[in-house]
């Protein structure tokens, strides 16, 4: 690198002590703790996530729904603690890419960055598809015309509408963190209010005896050891990859926060905590209102499991049911926009450190945002969605399952990077817990889930049942993405070898670069 400048707002580490870390030209100091937390919650998209996950989870574990959310929360929290320690030592917008490179060297570091980019591009396409579905559902409810909801099944209309959502989201993200933050305050506040409203309304009906199939609250619902089988237990942990994912967007904004070393980590922890509390509230309220039977509004009814809120909003919220459709739409739209933050800043960092073509390092002079990287993220995500819409009979199911594998990979790589980078700094109980045990256990859990899912996905019946030559589409998609990453890495290595020779970002440990406690 020709320019090595100290971080704005953080400790004045020199490039020698940080292995070559340097600023990218982003808008420093534009995001505080509240703004970062709101964007983190938005990226997780609680309204969308819950409507898609409540039914399948009940199908697997019945009334142990809160226990599964509790179990799913644990690996995410463990990994988040490791992320926070890495950010405290090396605040950099490249996050997984930068930290894995510093710990393991350029090859695994590059693939860690690729895993994050691929995961977020996949989820961008997924969120855009959900936004399209709920947009036409909302129009059908608004105009009292059920036929409008069926427009989402028209492939051409669906793909074009998806493009409109993608362009709008990319535009807001392109305008920088100030615009992103302003939009997210409104969209996140609305979905949180509606989810709490739904929960309180359901509990009030339980208390006055008008609930559909009321269940009495039981503390056993929170006991994961009551879950009948290991398969159900494993399914719950796997589900957590989907329902809690997105909190790490707060770390990719670290060069734009008011205190890069502490604010992103605190925002990540706060985000996971708020989401966990909200999930428990909704889970308990829904269980108590609907029960787990197969009746019209029972959570065991297969016909409503794919979209629980669409079925329950009417009986729970009465004439205000349309607000739930708006909440899920705003949830997916808000997450679509905030999810652009992660891949754009990772690609920016990879361009900055010459792991990607130089063009990706460009910053908008006006908005101080990763201009080219944001546009490219939108183009690739829309193209991926359009292709999947044609290939897959259930594009959302297959992309969620593929997403889970990608997240397990890059979260796991980052967790192990924390363990290895701080291997010389394990002095005292706090360091041993946060820098070694927590990320190690979290990483191992994610590694097991990744391996299990990868093996299972070869089955042609896996996911939506879409397959090519008798091999499951989810497995093929995952392999295409991984092998594609390796090919692109080798091409970049031949075109511009500086990064791979350790000239732009060096491998090291906390002891070598002055981060011992």
Protein backbone atom coordinates (compact mmCIF):
# COMPACT_ATOMS: atom_id res chain seq x y z
CA UNK A 1 0.00 0.00 0.00
CA UNK A 2 1.23 3.50 -0.71
CA UNK A 3 -0.90 5.20 1.90
CA UNK A 4 -1.15 4.12 5.50
CA UNK A 5 -3.16 6.48 7.69
CA UNK A 6 -4.22 6.02 11.29
CA UNK A 7 -7.83 5.38 12.16
CA UNK A 8 -10.00 8.39 12.84
CA UNK A 9 -11.44 8.23 16.31
CA UNK A 10 -9.40 5.24 17.45
CA UNK A 11 -5.98 4.66 18.95
CA UNK A 12 -3.19 5.86 16.63
CA UNK A 13 -1.89 2.44 15.61
CA UNK A 14 0.71 2.68 12.89
CA UNK A 15 0.55 0.56 9.76
CA UNK A 16 3.50 -1.47 11.03
CA UNK A 17 1.67 -2.45 14.20
CA UNK A 18 -1.59 -3.23 12.39
CA UNK A 19 -0.12 -5.26 9.56
CA UNK A 20 -1.00 -2.71 6.88
CA UNK A 21 -4.54 -1.73 7.95
CA UNK A 22 -5.54 1.68 6.60
CA UNK A 23 -8.55 3.89 6.00
CA UNK A 24 -10.70 3.55 2.89
CA UNK A 25 -12.10 7.10 2.69
CA UNK A 26 -15.50 6.27 4.20
CA UNK A 27 -17.51 8.84 6.15
CA UNK A 28 -15.93 8.58 9.60
CA UNK A 29 -18.00 9.27 12.73
CA UNK A 30 -21.40 9.20 11.01
CA UNK A 31 -22.94 6.34 13.04
CA UNK A 32 -23.45 6.10 16.81
CA UNK A 33 -24.50 3.17 18.99
CA UNK A 34 -28.25 3.64 18.37
CA UNK A 35 -27.85 3.97 14.60
CA UNK A 36 -25.61 0.91 14.37
CA UNK A 37 -28.00 -1.16 16.50
CA UNK A 38 -31.01 -0.12 14.40
CA UNK A 39 -29.21 -1.12 11.19
CA UNK A 40 -28.23 -4.43 12.82
CA UNK A 41 -31.85 -5.19 13.78
CA UNK A 42 -32.95 -4.19 10.30
CA UNK A 43 -30.51 -6.59 8.67
CA UNK A 44 -31.87 -9.50 10.74
CA UNK A 45 -35.42 -8.55 9.62
CA UNK A 46 -37.38 -9.92 12.62
CA UNK A 47 -40.90 -9.62 11.13
CA UNK A 48 -39.94 -11.49 7.96
CA UNK A 49 -37.80 -14.02 9.83
CA UNK A 50 -40.50 -14.88 12.36
CA UNK A 51 -43.33 -15.32 9.88
CA UNK A 52 -41.18 -17.80 7.94
CA UNK A 53 -39.67 -19.69 10.90
CA UNK A 54 -42.35 -20.07 13.58
CA UNK A 55 -44.31 -22.79 11.76
CA UNK A 56 -41.42 -25.04 10.68
CA UNK A 57 -39.88 -24.79 14.15
CA UNK A 58 -43.09 -25.86 15.88
CA UNK A 59 -43.35 -28.72 13.39
CA UNK A 60 -39.95 -29.94 14.59
CA UNK A 61 -40.10 -29.33 18.36
CA UNK A 62 -43.69 -28.45 19.30
CA UNK A 63 -44.01 -26.35 22.44
CA UNK A 64 -40.21 -26.20 22.87
CA UNK A 65 -40.18 -23.26 20.45
CA UNK A 66 -38.73 -20.82 23.05
CA UNK A 67 -36.11 -23.42 24.03
CA UNK A 68 -34.96 -23.72 20.42
CA UNK A 69 -34.64 -19.95 20.17
CA UNK A 70 -32.59 -20.10 23.37
CA UNK A 71 -30.35 -22.85 21.95
CA UNK A 72 -30.00 -21.01 18.66
CA UNK A 73 -28.99 -17.84 20.46
CA UNK A 74 -25.94 -19.47 22.09
CA UNK A 75 -23.64 -20.04 19.05
CA UNK A 76 -24.48 -16.60 17.69
CA UNK A 77 -23.58 -14.98 21.00
CA UNK A 78 -20.32 -16.94 21.26
CA UNK A 79 -19.26 -15.93 17.76
CA UNK A 80 -20.35 -12.32 18.37
CA UNK A 81 -18.02 -12.14 21.39
CA UNK A 82 -15.11 -13.23 19.20
CA UNK A 83 -16.04 -10.67 16.56
CA UNK A 84 -16.06 -7.94 19.22
CA UNK A 85 -12.54 -8.83 20.36
CA UNK A 86 -11.23 -8.79 16.79
CA UNK A 87 -12.90 -5.44 16.15
CA UNK A 88 -11.41 -3.95 19.32
CA UNK A 89 -7.94 -4.92 18.09
CA UNK A 90 -8.39 -4.27 14.35
CA UNK A 91 -11.37 -2.06 13.40
CA UNK A 92 -11.58 -2.47 9.62
CA UNK A 93 -14.51 -2.47 7.20
CA UNK A 94 -13.27 -5.75 5.72
CA UNK A 95 -14.13 -7.66 8.97
CA UNK A 96 -14.03 -11.41 8.15
CA UNK A 97 -11.75 -10.88 5.14
CA UNK A 98 -9.30 -8.65 7.00
CA UNK A 99 -9.26 -10.60 10.25
CA UNK A 100 -8.90 -14.03 8.61
CA UNK A 101 -6.06 -12.66 6.47
CA UNK A 102 -4.28 -11.30 9.54
CA UNK A 103 -4.69 -14.63 11.34
CA UNK A 104 -4.31 -17.24 8.60
CA UNK A 105 -2.80 -15.45 5.62
CA UNK A 106 -4.15 -14.29 2.23
CA UNK A 107 -5.66 -17.51 0.85
CA UNK A 108 -8.07 -18.35 3.67
CA UNK A 109 -8.60 -14.63 4.26
CA UNK A 110 -9.73 -14.18 0.66
CA UNK A 111 -12.14 -17.11 0.92
CA UNK A 112 -13.51 -15.74 4.22
CA UNK A 113 -14.31 -12.48 2.46
CA UNK A 114 -15.80 -14.39 -0.46
CA UNK A 115 -18.03 -16.34 1.94
CA UNK A 116 -19.42 -13.11 3.40
CA UNK A 117 -20.00 -11.59 -0.03
CA UNK A 118 -21.73 -14.69 -1.36
CA UNK A 119 -23.91 -15.07 1.75
CA UNK A 120 -25.09 -11.48 1.60
CA UNK A 121 -25.67 -11.56 -2.16
CA UNK A 122 -27.75 -14.73 -1.71
CA UNK A 123 -29.81 -13.15 1.08
CA UNK A 124 -30.26 -9.95 -0.94
CA UNK A 125 -31.92 -12.01 -3.64
CA UNK A 126 -34.00 -13.83 -1.02
CA UNK A 127 -35.16 -10.62 0.65
CA UNK A 128 -36.04 -9.06 -2.68
CA UNK A 129 -38.20 -12.09 -3.47
CA UNK A 130 -39.99 -11.82 -0.13
CA UNK A 131 -40.56 -8.10 -0.67
CA UNK A 132 -42.13 -8.87 -4.04
CA UNK A 133 -44.47 -11.52 -2.53
CA UNK A 134 -45.66 -9.27 0.29
CA UNK A 135 -45.96 -6.24 -1.98
CA UNK A 136 -48.59 -7.98 -4.10
CA UNK A 137 -50.22 -9.52 -1.01
CA UNK A 138 -50.54 -6.02 0.46
CA UNK A 139 -52.10 -4.74 -2.79
CA UNK A 140 -54.58 -7.63 -2.71
CA UNK A 141 -55.59 -6.77 0.87
CA UNK A 142 -55.70 -3.06 0.18
CA UNK A 143 -57.96 -3.32 -2.88
CA UNK A 144 -59.87 -6.43 -1.79
CA UNK A 145 -58.79 -8.28 -4.92
CA UNK A 146 -57.16 -11.70 -4.23
CA UNK A 147 -56.07 -11.97 -7.87
CA UNK A 148 -53.47 -9.25 -7.28
CA UNK A 149 -51.59 -11.56 -4.89
CA UNK A 150 -51.20 -14.09 -7.71
CA UNK A 151 -49.17 -11.62 -9.80
CA UNK A 152 -46.10 -12.70 -7.86
CA UNK A 153 -46.35 -16.12 -9.56
CA UNK A 154 -45.80 -14.51 -12.97
CA UNK A 155 -42.05 -14.94 -13.49
CA UNK A 156 -41.60 -11.85 -15.68
CA UNK A 157 -43.58 -9.56 -13.36
CA UNK A 158 -41.83 -11.04 -10.34
CA UNK A 159 -38.31 -10.56 -11.70
CA UNK A 160 -39.01 -7.02 -12.94
CA UNK A 161 -40.57 -6.01 -9.61
CA UNK A 162 -37.58 -7.52 -7.85
CA UNK A 163 -35.32 -5.32 -9.98
CA UNK A 164 -37.24 -2.21 -8.90
CA UNK A 165 -36.82 -3.11 -5.20
CA UNK A 166 -33.14 -3.87 -5.73
CA UNK A 167 -32.45 -0.57 -7.49
CA UNK A 168 -34.25 1.42 -4.78
CA UNK A 169 -32.35 -0.35 -1.99
CA UNK A 170 -29.00 0.06 -3.73
CA UNK A 171 -29.70 3.77 -4.30
CA UNK A 172 -30.37 4.42 -0.60
CA UNK A 173 -27.22 2.49 0.36
CA UNK A 174 -25.22 4.36 -2.30
CA UNK A 175 -26.15 7.67 -0.69
CA UNK A 176 -24.18 6.67 2.40
CA UNK A 177 -24.76 5.90 6.06
CA UNK A 178 -26.68 9.09 6.91
CA UNK A 179 -29.43 8.26 4.40
CA UNK A 180 -29.34 4.58 5.34
CA UNK A 181 -29.72 5.44 9.02
CA UNK A 182 -32.65 7.81 8.43
CA UNK A 183 -34.59 5.24 6.38
CA UNK A 184 -33.90 2.45 8.87
CA UNK A 185 -35.16 4.37 11.92
CA UNK A 186 -38.63 4.53 10.37
CA UNK A 187 -38.81 1.01 8.93
CA UNK A 188 -37.35 -0.75 11.99
CA UNK A 189 -39.49 1.19 14.47
CA UNK A 190 -42.63 0.29 12.51
CA UNK A 191 -41.98 -3.46 12.40
CA UNK A 192 -41.01 -3.60 16.09
CA UNK A 193 -44.18 -1.75 17.09
CA UNK A 194 -46.36 -4.09 15.02
CA UNK A 195 -44.68 -7.23 16.42
CA UNK A 196 -45.15 -6.04 20.01
CA UNK A 197 -48.74 -5.04 19.17
CA UNK A 198 -49.40 -8.52 17.76
CA UNK A 199 -47.90 -10.19 20.85
CA UNK A 200 -49.83 -8.07 23.35
CA UNK A 201 -53.10 -8.51 21.41
CA UNK A 202 -52.59 -12.29 21.37
CA UNK A 203 -51.89 -12.41 25.12
CA UNK A 204 -54.96 -10.25 25.85
CA UNK A 205 -57.16 -12.71 23.94
CA UNK A 206 -55.61 -15.55 25.92
CA UNK A 207 -56.42 -13.77 29.19
CA UNK A 208 -60.06 -13.07 28.27
CA UNK A 209 -60.65 -16.57 26.87
CA UNK A 210 -61.13 -15.64 23.20
CA UNK A 211 -57.88 -17.13 21.84
CA UNK A 212 -58.09 -19.80 19.13
CA UNK A 213 -56.62 -22.75 21.05
CA UNK A 214 -55.24 -21.33 24.25
CA UNK A 215 -52.28 -22.99 25.95
CA UNK A 216 -51.33 -22.26 29.56
CA UNK A 217 -47.81 -20.86 29.90
CA UNK A 218 -45.21 -23.40 31.05
CA UNK A 219 -41.61 -22.88 32.14
CA UNK A 220 -40.80 -26.21 30.44
CA UNK A 221 -41.10 -24.44 27.09
CA UNK A 222 -37.67 -22.94 27.84
CA UNK A 223 -36.03 -26.26 28.70
CA UNK A 224 -34.01 -27.54 25.70
CA UNK A 225 -33.44 -30.91 27.41
CA UNK A 226 -37.13 -31.75 26.96
CA UNK A 227 -36.65 -31.74 23.17
CA UNK A 228 -37.35 -35.38 22.19
CA UNK A 229 -34.46 -36.08 19.80
CA UNK A 230 -31.02 -34.91 18.77
CA UNK A 231 -32.30 -34.43 15.22
CA UNK A 232 -34.82 -31.87 16.44
CA UNK A 233 -32.14 -30.26 18.58
CA UNK A 234 -29.78 -30.02 15.59
CA UNK A 235 -32.59 -28.60 13.46
CA UNK A 236 -33.05 -25.86 16.04
CA UNK A 237 -29.38 -24.89 16.00
CA UNK A 238 -29.41 -24.91 12.20
CA UNK A 239 -32.47 -22.67 12.21
CA UNK A 240 -30.56 -20.13 14.32
CA UNK A 241 -28.21 -19.56 11.38
CA UNK A 242 -31.17 -18.08 9.55
CA UNK A 243 -33.09 -16.33 12.34
CA UNK A 244 -30.17 -14.58 14.06
CA UNK A 245 -27.96 -13.85 11.06
CA UNK A 246 -27.25 -10.21 10.16
CA UNK A 247 -25.90 -8.74 13.41
CA UNK A 248 -22.36 -8.65 11.99
CA UNK A 249 -23.34 -5.78 9.67
CA UNK A 250 -22.63 -3.53 12.67
CA UNK A 251 -18.95 -4.54 12.44
CA UNK A 252 -18.62 -3.73 8.73
CA UNK A 253 -19.55 -0.13 9.60
CA UNK A 254 -16.70 0.20 12.09
CA UNK A 255 -14.75 2.79 10.06
CA UNK A 256 -17.90 4.96 9.96
CA UNK A 257 -18.84 4.77 13.64
CA UNK A 258 -18.08 7.42 16.23
CA UNK A 259 -15.78 5.07 18.14
CA UNK A 260 -14.53 2.31 15.81
CA UNK A 261 -12.96 0.22 18.54
CA UNK A 262 -15.97 -0.09 20.87
CA UNK A 263 -19.24 1.03 19.22
CA UNK A 264 -19.53 -1.77 16.59
CA UNK A 265 -18.95 -4.55 19.13
CA UNK A 266 -21.44 -3.06 21.58
CA UNK A 267 -23.98 -2.61 18.79
CA UNK A 268 -23.57 -6.25 17.73
CA UNK A 269 -24.13 -7.50 21.29
CA UNK A 270 -27.11 -5.16 21.80
CA UNK A 271 -28.62 -6.20 18.47
CA UNK A 272 -28.48 -9.90 19.31
CA UNK A 273 -29.93 -9.22 22.78
CA UNK A 274 -32.88 -7.15 21.51
CA UNK A 275 -33.69 -9.71 18.81
CA UNK A 276 -33.51 -12.57 21.30
CA UNK A 277 -35.97 -10.86 23.69
CA UNK A 278 -38.35 -10.03 20.82
CA UNK A 279 -38.25 -13.61 19.50
CA UNK A 280 -39.11 -15.02 22.93
CA UNK A 281 -42.03 -12.59 23.35
CA UNK A 282 -43.54 -13.44 19.96
CA UNK A 283 -42.91 -17.18 20.40
CA UNK A 284 -44.66 -17.34 23.78
CA UNK A 285 -47.59 -15.15 22.66
CA UNK A 286 -48.12 -17.18 19.48
CA UNK A 287 -47.95 -20.51 21.30
CA UNK A 288 -50.42 -19.37 23.95
CA UNK A 289 -52.85 -18.02 21.32
CA UNK A 290 -52.74 -20.75 18.66
CA UNK A 291 -51.53 -23.92 20.34
CA UNK A 292 -49.71 -26.54 18.30
CA UNK A 293 -52.69 -28.38 16.88
CA UNK A 294 -53.58 -28.78 13.20
CA UNK A 295 -56.72 -26.64 13.39
CA UNK A 296 -57.39 -23.59 11.21
CA UNK A 297 -55.05 -21.28 13.13
CA UNK A 298 -53.00 -23.92 14.97
CA UNK A 299 -49.24 -23.78 14.53
CA UNK A 300 -49.34 -27.46 13.56
CA UNK A 301 -51.45 -26.64 10.49
CA UNK A 302 -49.16 -27.22 7.51
CA UNK A 303 -51.13 -24.80 5.38
CA UNK A 304 -50.15 -21.79 7.49
CA UNK A 305 -46.63 -22.81 8.53
CA UNK A 306 -44.91 -21.10 5.62
CA UNK A 307 -46.35 -17.70 6.54
CA UNK A 308 -47.75 -17.68 10.06
CA UNK A 309 -48.45 -13.94 10.35
CA UNK A 310 -50.50 -13.87 7.14
CA UNK A 311 -52.87 -16.40 8.75
CA UNK A 312 -52.88 -15.10 12.34
CA UNK A 313 -52.88 -11.35 11.76
CA UNK A 314 -56.65 -11.30 11.10
CA UNK A 315 -57.85 -13.22 14.19
CA UNK A 316 -55.29 -11.51 16.45
CA UNK A 317 -55.28 -7.91 15.19
CA UNK A 318 -58.72 -7.67 13.61
CA UNK A 319 -59.14 -4.69 11.24
CA UNK A 320 -55.48 -3.76 11.74
CA UNK A 321 -54.24 -7.01 10.13
CA UNK A 322 -52.98 -5.14 7.08
CA UNK A 323 -50.37 -3.56 9.35
CA UNK A 324 -48.74 -6.98 9.69
CA UNK A 325 -48.44 -7.31 5.92
CA UNK A 326 -46.92 -3.84 5.86
CA UNK A 327 -44.59 -4.82 8.71
CA UNK A 328 -43.29 -7.92 6.90
CA UNK A 329 -42.96 -5.90 3.69
CA UNK A 330 -41.09 -3.13 5.49
CA UNK A 331 -38.98 -5.74 7.29
CA UNK A 332 -37.81 -7.37 4.07
CA UNK A 333 -37.40 -4.00 2.33
CA UNK A 334 -35.44 -2.54 5.25
CA UNK A 335 -33.23 -5.60 5.45
CA UNK A 336 -32.75 -5.55 1.68
CA UNK A 337 -31.36 -2.03 1.98
CA UNK A 338 -29.23 -2.52 5.11
CA UNK A 339 -27.82 -5.84 3.87
CA UNK A 340 -26.08 -3.91 1.08
CA UNK A 341 -23.80 -2.43 3.75
CA UNK A 342 -21.87 -5.66 4.42
CA UNK A 343 -20.90 -6.93 0.95
CA UNK A 344 -20.23 -3.43 -0.36
CA UNK A 345 -17.75 -2.66 2.43
CA UNK A 346 -16.13 -6.08 2.21
CA UNK A 347 -15.62 -5.67 -1.54
CA UNK A 348 -14.36 -2.13 -0.90
CA UNK A 349 -11.76 -3.47 1.53
CA UNK A 350 -10.75 -6.29 -0.79
CA UNK A 351 -10.25 -3.74 -3.57
CA UNK A 352 -8.38 -1.43 -1.19
CA UNK A 353 -5.93 -4.17 -0.18
CA UNK A 354 -5.64 -5.35 -3.83
CA UNK A 355 -7.40 -8.67 -3.25
CA UNK A 356 -10.08 -7.52 -5.73
CA UNK A 357 -9.70 -5.33 -8.83
CA UNK A 358 -8.80 -1.73 -7.97
CA UNK A 359 -12.18 -0.45 -9.23
CA UNK A 360 -13.89 -1.88 -6.13
CA UNK A 361 -11.89 0.49 -3.91
CA UNK A 362 -13.60 3.56 -5.38
CA UNK A 363 -15.49 5.86 -3.01
CA UNK A 364 -18.28 8.28 -3.96
CA UNK A 365 -16.77 11.78 -3.53
CA UNK A 366 -20.16 13.17 -2.52
CA UNK A 367 -21.57 10.46 -0.24
CA UNK A 368 -18.32 8.85 0.99
CA UNK A 369 -19.79 5.41 0.32
CA UNK A 370 -18.40 2.38 -1.59
CA UNK A 371 -19.99 3.41 -4.88
CA UNK A 372 -18.85 0.78 -7.37
CA UNK A 373 -19.06 -2.09 -4.85
CA UNK A 374 -22.66 -1.17 -3.95
CA UNK A 375 -23.76 -1.09 -7.58
CA UNK A 376 -22.05 -4.41 -8.32
CA UNK A 377 -23.66 -6.05 -5.26
CA UNK A 378 -27.08 -5.02 -6.58
CA UNK A 379 -26.42 -6.24 -10.13
CA UNK A 380 -25.08 -9.62 -9.04
CA UNK A 381 -27.86 -10.16 -6.46
CA UNK A 382 -30.60 -9.41 -9.00
CA UNK A 383 -28.95 -11.66 -11.61
CA UNK A 384 -28.66 -14.46 -9.06
CA UNK A 385 -32.34 -14.09 -8.13
CA UNK A 386 -33.46 -14.10 -11.77
CA UNK A 387 -31.50 -17.30 -12.48
CA UNK A 388 -32.74 -19.03 -9.32
CA UNK A 389 -36.32 -18.03 -10.08
CA UNK A 390 -36.08 -19.99 -13.33
CA UNK A 391 -34.12 -23.00 -11.99
CA UNK A 392 -35.84 -23.59 -8.65
CA UNK A 393 -39.41 -24.53 -7.87
CA UNK A 394 -39.04 -22.86 -4.47
CA UNK A 395 -36.39 -20.16 -4.77
CA UNK A 396 -36.78 -18.95 -1.18
CA UNK A 397 -36.27 -22.37 0.42
CA UNK A 398 -33.21 -23.20 -1.65
CA UNK A 399 -31.56 -19.82 -1.16
CA UNK A 400 -32.12 -19.91 2.61
CA UNK A 401 -30.49 -23.35 2.83
CA UNK A 402 -27.56 -22.25 0.68
CA UNK A 403 -27.30 -19.09 2.75
CA UNK A 404 -27.00 -21.17 5.91
CA UNK A 405 -23.93 -22.97 4.58
CA UNK A 406 -22.23 -19.76 3.48
CA UNK A 407 -22.85 -18.14 6.87
CA UNK A 408 -21.53 -21.18 8.74
CA UNK A 409 -18.39 -21.00 6.62
CA UNK A 410 -17.46 -17.35 7.07
CA UNK A 411 -18.67 -17.07 10.68
CA UNK A 412 -16.67 -20.20 11.47
CA UNK A 413 -13.52 -18.95 9.72
CA UNK A 414 -13.78 -15.65 11.63
CA UNK A 415 -14.35 -17.41 14.96
CA UNK A 416 -11.25 -19.56 14.47
CA UNK A 417 -9.34 -16.47 13.31
CA UNK A 418 -10.06 -14.92 16.71
CA UNK A 419 -8.72 -18.00 18.51
CA UNK A 420 -5.53 -18.11 16.41
CA UNK A 421 -4.83 -14.37 16.28
CA UNK A 422 -5.02 -14.01 20.08
CA UNK A 423 -3.19 -17.25 20.84
CA UNK A 424 -0.34 -15.28 22.46
CA UNK A 425 -2.60 -12.97 24.46
CA UNK A 426 -4.54 -15.39 26.69
CA UNK A 427 -3.65 -13.77 29.99
CA UNK A 428 -6.42 -13.84 32.61
CA UNK A 429 -9.93 -15.30 32.77
CA UNK A 430 -11.51 -12.61 30.57
CA UNK A 431 -9.08 -13.14 27.70
CA UNK A 432 -9.38 -16.93 27.91
CA UNK A 433 -13.20 -16.73 27.83
CA UNK A 434 -13.71 -14.07 25.15
CA UNK A 435 -10.72 -14.66 22.90
CA UNK A 436 -10.46 -18.44 23.11
CA UNK A 437 -13.31 -20.46 24.60
CA UNK A 438 -16.32 -18.52 23.27
CA UNK A 439 -15.18 -18.27 19.61
CA UNK A 440 -13.75 -21.81 19.67
CA UNK A 441 -17.01 -23.41 20.83
CA UNK A 442 -19.07 -21.23 18.49
CA UNK A 443 -16.79 -22.06 15.57
CA UNK A 444 -16.92 -25.80 16.23
CA UNK A 445 -20.74 -25.75 16.36
CA UNK A 446 -20.87 -23.90 13.03
CA UNK A 447 -18.33 -26.28 11.47
CA UNK A 448 -20.46 -29.30 12.44
CA UNK A 449 -23.60 -27.68 11.02
CA UNK A 450 -21.77 -26.76 7.81
CA UNK A 451 -20.48 -30.31 7.25
CA UNK A 452 -23.84 -31.89 8.06
CA UNK A 453 -25.77 -29.55 5.77
CA UNK A 454 -23.30 -29.95 2.93
CA UNK A 455 -23.63 -33.75 3.09
CA UNK A 456 -27.42 -33.73 3.41
CA UNK A 457 -27.85 -31.28 0.53
CA UNK A 458 -26.56 -33.84 -1.99
CA UNK A 459 -29.88 -35.66 -1.63
CA UNK A 460 -32.15 -34.76 -4.60
CA UNK A 461 -35.09 -34.39 -2.21
CA UNK A 462 -33.27 -31.82 -0.08
CA UNK A 463 -34.80 -28.33 0.11
CA UNK A 464 -37.42 -27.73 -2.54
CA UNK A 465 -36.64 -31.04 -4.27
CA UNK A 466 -35.11 -29.25 -7.26
CA UNK A 467 -32.15 -31.22 -8.60
CA UNK A 468 -29.83 -31.53 -11.57
CA UNK A 469 -28.81 -35.03 -12.59
CA UNK A 470 -30.09 -36.48 -9.32
CA UNK A 471 -27.99 -34.15 -7.16
CA UNK A 472 -29.75 -31.60 -4.94
CA UNK A 473 -29.77 -28.04 -6.28
CA UNK A 474 -28.67 -26.65 -2.90
CA UNK A 475 -25.46 -28.74 -2.99
CA UNK A 476 -24.78 -27.82 -6.62
CA UNK A 477 -25.35 -24.14 -5.86
CA UNK A 478 -23.01 -24.26 -2.85
CA UNK A 479 -20.29 -25.99 -4.88
CA UNK A 480 -20.63 -23.52 -7.75
CA UNK A 481 -20.24 -20.64 -5.31
CA UNK A 482 -17.21 -22.15 -3.53
CA UNK A 483 -15.43 -23.32 -6.69
CA UNK A 484 -16.28 -20.03 -8.41
CA UNK A 485 -14.60 -18.24 -5.50
CA UNK A 486 -11.45 -20.34 -5.81
CA UNK A 487 -11.27 -19.70 -9.58
CA UNK A 488 -11.71 -15.94 -9.11
CA UNK A 489 -9.06 -15.98 -6.37
CA UNK A 490 -6.56 -17.70 -8.66
CA UNK A 491 -7.32 -15.24 -11.47
CA UNK A 492 -6.79 -12.30 -9.13
CA UNK A 493 -3.56 -13.91 -7.91
CA UNK A 494 -2.22 -14.08 -11.47
CA UNK A 495 -3.32 -10.54 -12.40
CA UNK A 496 -2.22 -8.75 -9.23
CA UNK A 497 -0.21 -10.92 -6.83
CA UNK A 498 0.65 -8.18 -4.27
CA UNK A 499 -2.03 -9.19 -1.75
CA UNK A 500 -1.20 -12.88 -2.01
CA UNK A 501 2.48 -12.11 -1.46
CA UNK A 502 1.64 -10.38 1.83
CA UNK A 503 2.62 -6.94 0.57
CA UNK A 504 -0.67 -5.15 1.28
CA UNK A 505 -1.94 -6.97 4.39
CA UNK A 506 0.36 -9.09 6.51
CA UNK A 507 -0.25 -12.21 8.56
CA UNK A 508 0.55 -12.01 12.27
CA UNK A 509 -0.68 -12.35 15.84
CA UNK A 510 -1.74 -10.02 18.61
CA UNK A 511 1.66 -10.41 20.34
CA UNK A 512 3.61 -9.42 17.24
CA UNK A 513 1.52 -6.34 16.63
CA UNK A 514 1.10 -4.94 20.09
CA UNK A 515 -2.39 -6.15 21.08
CA UNK A 516 -1.51 -8.14 24.17
CA UNK A 517 -3.57 -7.46 27.26
